[in-house]
Amino acid sequence: MSRTKQWLMSIEEAFWDQVTSIIKDSEYLGEAMERAVSLSKPMVPHLETEYVEDSVGEMWNEYWSKYHA
């Protein structure tokens, strides 16, 4: 794997780790989506907004379903 690809993957991993924290700290899904999209613009601009929102929605449901099951 090239160094560029490794670097890109490490940035994406750091982004998704921060999104996990955003989900834990947000009071509602819309807030989590807004914060994640805002973070994605400078950090991972190659990810489409729709992809980030869809991923946050899935992560939100997975995280919060543990507390409401």
C-alpha atoms as a PDB file:
ATOM      1  CA  MET A   1       0.000   0.000   0.000  1.00  0.00           C
ATOM      2  CA  SER A   2       1.356   3.407  -0.887  1.00  0.00           C
ATOM      3  CA  ARG A   3       2.191   5.945   1.778  1.00  0.00           C
ATOM      4  CA  THR A   4      -0.432   8.289   0.388  1.00  0.00           C
ATOM      5  CA  LYS A   5      -3.134   5.665   0.759  1.00  0.00           C
ATOM      6  CA  GLN A   6      -1.951   4.845   4.297  1.00  0.00           C
ATOM      7  CA  TRP A   7      -2.020   8.545   5.168  1.00  0.00           C
ATOM      8  CA  LEU A   8      -5.524   8.949   3.729  1.00  0.00           C
ATOM      9  CA  MET A   9      -6.789   5.897   5.581  1.00  0.00           C
ATOM     10  CA  SER A  10      -5.375   7.177   8.883  1.00  0.00           C
ATOM     11  CA  ILE A  11      -7.147  10.519   8.370  1.00  0.00           C
ATOM     12  CA  GLU A  12     -10.426   8.747   7.621  1.00  0.00           C
ATOM     13  CA  GLU A  13     -10.019   6.576  10.710  1.00  0.00           C
ATOM     14  CA  ALA A  14      -9.408   9.663  12.860  1.00  0.00           C
ATOM     15  CA  PHE A  15     -12.485  11.303  11.303  1.00  0.00           C
ATOM     16  CA  TRP A  16     -14.768   8.362  12.086  1.00  0.00           C
ATOM     17  CA  ASP A  17     -13.370   8.179  15.637  1.00  0.00           C
ATOM     18  CA  GLN A  18     -14.326  11.831  16.096  1.00  0.00           C
ATOM     19  CA  VAL A  19     -17.764  11.162  14.591  1.00  0.00           C
ATOM     20  CA  THR A  20     -18.286   8.446  17.207  1.00  0.00           C
ATOM     21  CA  SER A  21     -17.566  11.015  19.915  1.00  0.00           C
ATOM     22  CA  ILE A  22     -19.904  13.505  18.233  1.00  0.00           C
ATOM     23  CA  ILE A  23     -22.708  10.923  18.276  1.00  0.00           C
ATOM     24  CA  LYS A  24     -22.190  10.267  21.980  1.00  0.00           C
ATOM     25  CA  ASP A  25     -22.267  13.997  22.751  1.00  0.00           C
ATOM     26  CA  SER A  26     -25.197  14.996  20.540  1.00  0.00           C
ATOM     27  CA  GLU A  27     -28.751  15.280  21.802  1.00  0.00           C
ATOM     28  CA  TYR A  28     -30.382  14.392  18.499  1.00  0.00           C
ATOM     29  CA  LEU A  29     -29.489  12.911  15.121  1.00  0.00           C
ATOM     30  CA  GLY A  30     -29.701  16.182  13.185  1.00  0.00           C
ATOM     31  CA  GLU A  31     -27.142  17.772  15.479  1.00  0.00           C
ATOM     32  CA  ALA A  32     -24.778  14.826  15.030  1.00  0.00           C
ATOM     33  CA  MET A  33     -25.159  14.993  11.250  1.00  0.00           C
ATOM     34  CA  GLU A  34     -24.517  18.744  11.129  1.00  0.00           C
ATOM     35  CA  ARG A  35     -21.407  18.455  13.276  1.00  0.00           C
ATOM     36  CA  ALA A  36     -20.055  15.480  11.314  1.00  0.00           C
ATOM     37  CA  VAL A  37     -20.618  17.161   7.949  1.00  0.00           C
ATOM     38  CA  SER A  38     -18.934  20.322   9.250  1.00  0.00           C
ATOM     39  CA  LEU A  39     -15.949  18.282  10.375  1.00  0.00           C
ATOM     40  CA  SER A  40     -15.798  16.375   7.099  1.00  0.00           C
ATOM     41  CA  LYS A  41     -15.361  19.477   4.933  1.00  0.00           C
ATOM     42  CA  PRO A  42     -11.794  20.273   6.064  1.00  0.00           C
ATOM     43  CA  MET A  43     -10.815  16.794   7.233  1.00  0.00           C
ATOM     44  CA  VAL A  44     -12.094  14.434   4.523  1.00  0.00           C
ATOM     45  CA  PRO A  45     -13.382  16.616   1.660  1.00  0.00           C
ATOM     46  CA  HIS A  46     -13.405  13.640  -0.709  1.00  0.00           C
ATOM     47  CA  LEU A  47     -16.329  12.067   1.196  1.00  0.00           C
ATOM     48  CA  GLU A  48     -19.718  13.163  -0.107  1.00  0.00           C
ATOM     49  CA  THR A  49     -22.100  14.841   2.322  1.00  0.00           C
ATOM     50  CA  GLU A  50     -24.800  12.247   1.663  1.00  0.00           C
ATOM     51  CA  TYR A  51     -22.383   9.423   2.493  1.00  0.00           C
ATOM     52  CA  VAL A  52     -21.380  11.106   5.766  1.00  0.00           C
ATOM     53  CA  GLU A  53     -25.032  11.724   6.723  1.00  0.00           C
ATOM     54  CA  ASP A  54     -26.055   8.144   5.895  1.00  0.00           C
ATOM     55  CA  SER A  55     -23.120   6.758   7.873  1.00  0.00           C
ATOM     56  CA  VAL A  56     -23.887   8.971  10.863  1.00  0.00           C
ATOM     57  CA  GLY A  57     -27.509   7.792  10.759  1.00  0.00           C
ATOM     58  CA  GLU A  58     -26.435   4.165  10.848  1.00  0.00           C
ATOM     59  CA  MET A  59     -23.886   4.790  13.584  1.00  0.00           C
ATOM     60  CA  TRP A  60     -26.462   6.767  15.591  1.00  0.00           C
ATOM     61  CA  ASN A  61     -29.015   3.942  15.403  1.00  0.00           C
ATOM     62  CA  GLU A  62     -26.428   1.344  16.349  1.00  0.00           C
ATOM     63  CA  TYR A  63     -25.121   3.359  19.299  1.00  0.00           C
ATOM     64  CA  TRP A  64     -28.462   4.441  20.753  1.00  0.00           C
ATOM     65  CA  SER A  65     -30.222   1.102  20.197  1.00  0.00           C
ATOM     66  CA  LYS A  66     -27.999  -0.317  22.955  1.00  0.00           C
ATOM     67  CA  TYR A  67     -29.679   2.025  25.442  1.00  0.00           C
ATOM     68  CA  HIS A  68     -33.264   1.579  24.278  1.00  0.00           C
ATOM     69  CA  ALA A  69     -33.364  -2.151  23.661  1.00  0.00           C
END
